[in-house]
Amino acid sequence: MDLGTGTGIWPVSLAEEYLFDAQIMAIDLNQVQPTLIPRGVTSKQFDIEEPIWTSLLTDCNLVHMRMLLGSIETHLWPQIYGNIFEHLAPGDGYIEHVEIDWTPRWQGYGQPENSSFQRWSELFLSSMDKFNRSARVVPAKTEQLIKAAGFTDVKQEVIKAFVCPWTSDSREQEVARWFNLALSRSLEALSMMPLIEKQGLKLEEVRELCARARKEICALQNHAFCNIHVWTARKPEGSLSIAHIGQTETVDHTFDAEIN
């Protein structure tokens, strides 16, 4: 399953390039996926904040999600991980969770004075906290929640994503060009409601801040990067899936771990 699939690019690419005969369910709150999709891929409109996932696939080998911080109510993450655990196959069922840490970092001496990108990040993350839909990446807390849901073999990979292609490494340059394009085009869309409603900024103030941040991240002397975090974990052998518990039952996802 792919949770929060958006356009469906991840499951479609997976089905076209790797898993030709797999059954993949692409799930999103909105149905914006294309009508022409590979055989084996189905799209389903569903709110994963709902406590019961009886209509979703069970005994999955993989549940994938990315860029959902900021979309999920902060206190519901234990429930989300618990539901994922229940819908995976014991022994060979894996979770993969990918997030971008929007707190910028700089390599070497490339940090500009009074960085507009950093200011944008601070205001955006603070605003999402006030919405109770935190977009902050807290690696230790995420690992704690994944383990509390019952997962084992928890691993985390951290990948640098530079905001502009200043490095000499061709692979890093390619990633940076795509990241720069995506970030440049999405700054205003990410910012408008949070910064206006929770920070009290005016429309033009948000646009000006985004314009300054956009100019900054396009400057080659700016060696900023964001960390991409990838967590993977496995459902251990001997754990029951919801297919074996019975789909009419309510699964208790009460954990000691909480996101602050």
Protein backbone atom coordinates (compact mmCIF):
# COMPACT_ATOMS: atom_id res chain seq x y z
CA MET A 1 0.00 0.00 0.00
CA ASP A 2 1.01 3.59 -0.60
CA LEU A 3 -0.45 5.97 1.99
CA GLY A 4 -1.00 9.59 0.95
CA THR A 5 -0.22 8.68 -2.64
CA GLY A 6 -1.08 12.08 -4.15
CA THR A 7 -0.77 11.79 -7.92
CA GLY A 8 0.08 8.10 -7.57
CA ILE A 9 3.55 8.49 -9.06
CA TRP A 10 5.15 6.09 -6.57
CA PRO A 11 2.83 3.06 -7.05
CA VAL A 12 2.59 3.64 -10.80
CA SER A 13 6.38 3.75 -11.16
CA LEU A 14 6.74 0.69 -8.95
CA ALA A 15 4.25 -1.29 -11.02
CA GLU A 16 5.74 -0.22 -14.37
CA GLU A 17 9.40 -0.75 -13.52
CA TYR A 18 9.62 -3.48 -10.88
CA LEU A 19 6.49 -5.27 -9.68
CA PHE A 20 4.58 -6.12 -12.83
CA ASP A 21 2.23 -8.62 -11.18
CA ALA A 22 1.91 -7.04 -7.74
CA GLN A 23 -1.32 -5.85 -6.17
CA ILE A 24 -0.80 -2.24 -5.07
CA MET A 25 -3.39 -0.03 -3.39
CA ALA A 26 -2.81 3.73 -3.70
CA ILE A 27 -4.61 5.60 -0.92
CA ASP A 28 -5.30 9.30 -0.59
CA LEU A 29 -7.87 11.64 0.89
CA ASN A 30 -8.41 13.08 -2.60
CA GLN A 31 -8.72 11.18 -5.86
CA VAL A 32 -6.31 13.05 -8.12
CA GLN A 33 -4.65 9.98 -9.60
CA PRO A 34 -4.71 9.39 -13.38
CA THR A 35 -7.39 7.15 -14.82
CA LEU A 36 -4.91 5.15 -16.90
CA ILE A 37 -2.83 3.20 -14.41
CA PRO A 38 -0.95 -0.12 -14.64
CA ARG A 39 -2.67 -3.41 -14.07
CA GLY A 40 -2.59 -4.33 -10.41
CA VAL A 41 -2.73 -0.75 -9.14
CA THR A 42 -5.98 0.45 -7.59
CA SER A 43 -6.65 3.90 -6.16
CA LYS A 44 -8.85 4.33 -3.12
CA GLN A 45 -10.19 7.47 -1.47
CA PHE A 46 -9.74 7.06 2.26
CA ASP A 47 -8.79 9.15 5.30
CA ILE A 48 -5.97 7.33 7.09
CA GLU A 49 -6.70 9.36 10.22
CA GLU A 50 -9.74 7.13 10.64
CA PRO A 51 -9.16 4.62 13.47
CA ILE A 52 -10.37 1.55 11.55
CA TRP A 53 -8.89 0.51 8.19
CA THR A 54 -11.14 -2.44 7.39
CA SER A 55 -11.51 -1.49 3.71
CA LEU A 56 -7.76 -1.50 3.03
CA LEU A 57 -5.44 -4.29 1.93
CA THR A 58 -4.26 -6.80 4.53
CA ASP A 59 -1.18 -9.00 4.77
CA CYS A 60 0.84 -6.46 2.77
CA ASN A 61 4.53 -6.98 2.11
CA LEU A 62 5.16 -3.24 2.13
CA VAL A 63 3.38 -0.12 3.33
CA HIS A 64 5.00 3.04 2.00
CA MET A 65 4.38 6.65 2.96
CA ARG A 66 6.27 9.87 2.41
CA MET A 67 5.81 13.54 3.16
CA LEU A 68 2.90 13.04 5.54
CA LEU A 69 4.28 15.10 8.42
CA GLY A 70 2.11 18.21 8.49
CA SER A 71 -0.86 16.26 7.12
CA ILE A 72 -1.54 14.04 10.12
CA GLU A 73 -2.73 15.31 13.50
CA THR A 74 0.28 15.00 15.77
CA HIS A 75 -1.37 12.83 18.40
CA LEU A 76 -2.57 10.31 15.79
CA TRP A 77 0.86 9.03 14.74
CA PRO A 78 0.82 6.11 17.21
CA GLN A 79 -2.53 5.04 15.72
CA ILE A 80 -1.16 5.36 12.16
CA TYR A 81 1.86 3.18 12.89
CA GLY A 82 -0.34 0.69 14.73
CA ASN A 83 -2.73 0.35 11.80
CA ILE A 84 0.18 -0.10 9.40
CA PHE A 85 1.54 -2.85 11.65
CA GLU A 86 -1.81 -4.66 11.64
CA HIS A 87 -2.05 -4.58 7.84
CA LEU A 88 1.40 -6.06 7.21
CA ALA A 89 2.24 -9.72 6.75
CA PRO A 90 4.13 -11.21 9.72
CA GLY A 91 7.78 -11.92 9.07
CA ASP A 92 8.18 -10.25 5.70
CA GLY A 93 5.96 -7.17 5.99
CA TYR A 94 7.89 -3.89 5.97
CA ILE A 95 7.15 -0.22 6.52
CA GLU A 96 9.03 2.53 4.68
CA HIS A 97 8.47 6.10 5.87
CA VAL A 98 10.18 9.02 4.10
CA GLU A 99 10.22 12.64 5.30
CA ILE A 100 12.10 15.85 4.52
CA ASP A 101 13.42 17.85 7.46
CA TRP A 102 12.61 21.43 6.50
CA THR A 103 15.20 22.83 8.91
CA PRO A 104 17.97 24.01 6.55
CA ARG A 105 21.61 23.20 7.15
CA TRP A 106 24.71 24.51 5.39
CA GLN A 107 27.85 22.76 4.28
CA GLY A 108 31.06 24.67 4.89
CA TYR A 109 30.80 28.44 4.94
CA GLY A 110 27.88 28.85 2.58
CA GLN A 111 25.32 30.13 5.10
CA PRO A 112 24.06 33.61 4.23
CA GLU A 113 23.59 36.19 6.96
CA ASN A 114 19.94 36.58 8.02
CA SER A 115 18.87 33.65 5.85
CA SER A 116 15.37 34.04 4.42
CA PHE A 117 15.18 30.28 3.86
CA GLN A 118 15.87 29.67 7.53
CA ARG A 119 13.31 32.31 8.51
CA TRP A 120 10.74 30.66 6.26
CA SER A 121 11.47 27.27 7.82
CA GLU A 122 11.08 28.61 11.37
CA LEU A 123 7.74 30.26 10.61
CA PHE A 124 6.40 27.30 8.64
CA LEU A 125 7.28 24.71 11.29
CA SER A 126 5.96 26.90 14.09
CA SER A 127 2.70 27.40 12.20
CA MET A 128 2.19 23.68 11.66
CA ASP A 129 2.80 23.10 15.37
CA LYS A 130 -0.05 25.52 16.08
CA PHE A 131 -2.29 23.53 13.71
CA ASN A 132 -1.46 20.41 15.77
CA ARG A 133 -0.10 18.86 12.58
CA SER A 134 3.60 19.01 13.25
CA ALA A 135 5.90 18.94 10.23
CA ARG A 136 9.04 18.62 12.37
CA VAL A 137 11.29 15.62 11.89
CA VAL A 138 12.36 14.25 15.28
CA PRO A 139 14.28 11.05 14.46
CA ALA A 140 14.45 9.66 18.00
CA LYS A 141 10.71 10.17 18.51
CA THR A 142 9.84 8.57 15.17
CA GLU A 143 11.97 5.53 15.97
CA GLN A 144 10.33 5.31 19.40
CA LEU A 145 6.84 5.32 17.89
CA ILE A 146 7.72 2.72 15.26
CA LYS A 147 9.14 0.39 17.90
CA ALA A 148 6.15 1.00 20.19
CA ALA A 149 3.86 -0.22 17.42
CA GLY A 150 5.64 -3.59 17.50
CA PHE A 151 8.17 -3.27 14.67
CA THR A 152 11.66 -4.74 14.75
CA ASP A 153 14.81 -4.18 12.67
CA VAL A 154 14.20 -0.42 12.70
CA LYS A 155 16.71 1.38 10.47
CA GLN A 156 17.15 5.00 9.48
CA GLU A 157 18.98 6.43 6.48
CA VAL A 158 19.72 10.15 6.20
CA ILE A 159 20.31 11.61 2.73
CA LYS A 160 21.49 15.15 1.99
CA ALA A 161 19.39 17.01 -0.55
CA PHE A 162 21.14 20.20 -1.63
CA VAL A 163 18.84 23.05 -2.59
CA CYS A 164 20.92 24.03 -5.63
CA PRO A 165 23.40 22.14 -7.86
CA TRP A 166 26.66 23.64 -6.60
CA THR A 167 28.53 20.38 -5.93
CA SER A 168 30.85 18.60 -8.36
CA ASP A 169 29.11 15.25 -7.89
CA SER A 170 26.83 14.58 -10.87
CA ARG A 171 24.32 12.56 -8.86
CA GLU A 172 24.06 15.26 -6.18
CA GLN A 173 23.63 17.86 -8.93
CA GLU A 174 20.74 15.95 -10.47
CA VAL A 175 18.97 15.54 -7.13
CA ALA A 176 19.60 19.21 -6.32
CA ARG A 177 18.07 20.40 -9.59
CA TRP A 178 14.88 18.44 -8.97
CA PHE A 179 14.72 19.48 -5.32
CA ASN A 180 15.29 23.13 -6.24
CA LEU A 181 12.53 22.99 -8.84
CA ALA A 182 10.05 21.37 -6.46
CA LEU A 183 10.89 23.64 -3.54
CA SER A 184 10.87 26.83 -5.63
CA ARG A 185 7.44 26.05 -7.03
CA SER A 186 5.90 24.93 -3.74
CA LEU A 187 7.08 27.56 -1.24
CA GLU A 188 4.01 29.77 -1.57
CA ALA A 189 1.58 26.86 -1.62
CA LEU A 190 3.11 25.48 1.57
CA SER A 191 3.16 28.87 3.26
CA MET A 192 -0.02 30.78 2.55
CA MET A 193 -2.52 29.34 5.02
CA PRO A 194 -0.06 28.50 7.84
CA LEU A 195 1.73 31.84 7.86
CA ILE A 196 -1.39 33.96 7.40
CA GLU A 197 -3.61 32.11 9.88
CA LYS A 198 -1.05 31.23 12.56
CA GLN A 199 1.61 33.97 12.22
CA GLY A 200 -0.66 36.86 11.31
CA LEU A 201 1.30 37.75 8.18
CA LYS A 202 -0.38 39.52 5.30
CA LEU A 203 -0.57 38.01 1.83
CA GLU A 204 2.12 40.29 0.41
CA GLU A 205 4.40 39.63 3.37
CA VAL A 206 4.21 35.90 2.72
CA ARG A 207 4.90 36.41 -0.97
CA GLU A 208 7.89 38.64 -0.22
CA LEU A 209 9.36 36.13 2.23
CA CYS A 210 8.91 33.29 -0.27
CA ALA A 211 10.48 35.38 -3.04
CA ARG A 212 13.54 36.09 -0.88
CA ALA A 213 13.83 32.43 0.11
CA ARG A 214 13.45 31.36 -3.52
CA LYS A 215 16.21 33.74 -4.62
CA GLU A 216 18.46 32.46 -1.85
CA ILE A 217 18.07 28.77 -2.65
CA CYS A 218 18.82 29.42 -6.32
CA ALA A 219 22.18 31.09 -5.58
CA LEU A 220 25.07 28.69 -6.26
CA GLN A 221 27.13 30.19 -3.43
CA ASN A 222 24.41 29.02 -1.05
CA HIS A 223 25.44 25.56 0.15
CA ALA A 224 22.22 24.77 1.97
CA PHE A 225 20.70 21.33 2.18
CA CYS A 226 17.80 19.55 3.82
CA ASN A 227 18.04 16.07 5.27
CA ILE A 228 15.79 13.36 3.87
CA HIS A 229 15.03 10.70 6.48
CA VAL A 230 14.09 7.16 5.46
CA TRP A 231 12.89 4.75 8.14
CA THR A 232 12.36 1.07 7.45
CA ALA A 233 11.18 -1.61 9.86
CA ARG A 234 9.80 -5.14 9.81
CA LYS A 235 6.78 -6.81 11.38
CA PRO A 236 8.21 -9.81 13.25
CA GLU A 237 7.24 -13.41 12.66
CA GLY A 238 4.48 -14.61 14.94
CA SER A 239 2.64 -11.27 15.03
CA LEU A 240 -1.00 -11.38 14.02
CA SER A 241 -2.24 -9.31 11.12
CA ILE A 242 -5.73 -7.89 11.01
CA ALA A 243 -6.66 -10.58 8.48
CA HIS A 244 -6.13 -13.16 11.20
CA ILE A 245 -7.57 -11.12 14.07
CA GLY A 246 -10.82 -10.56 12.18
CA GLN A 247 -11.67 -7.36 10.39
CA THR A 248 -14.75 -6.63 12.47
CA GLU A 249 -12.72 -6.18 15.64
CA THR A 250 -11.41 -2.87 16.88
CA VAL A 251 -7.65 -2.91 17.33
CA ASP A 252 -6.28 -1.10 20.39
CA HIS A 253 -3.42 1.22 19.47
CA THR A 254 -2.60 2.60 22.90
CA PHE A 255 1.08 3.36 23.23
CA ASP A 256 3.20 4.95 25.93
CA ALA A 257 5.10 6.92 23.30
CA GLU A 258 3.71 10.28 22.30
CA ILE A 259 4.81 13.05 19.99
CA ASN A 260 5.33 16.27 21.90
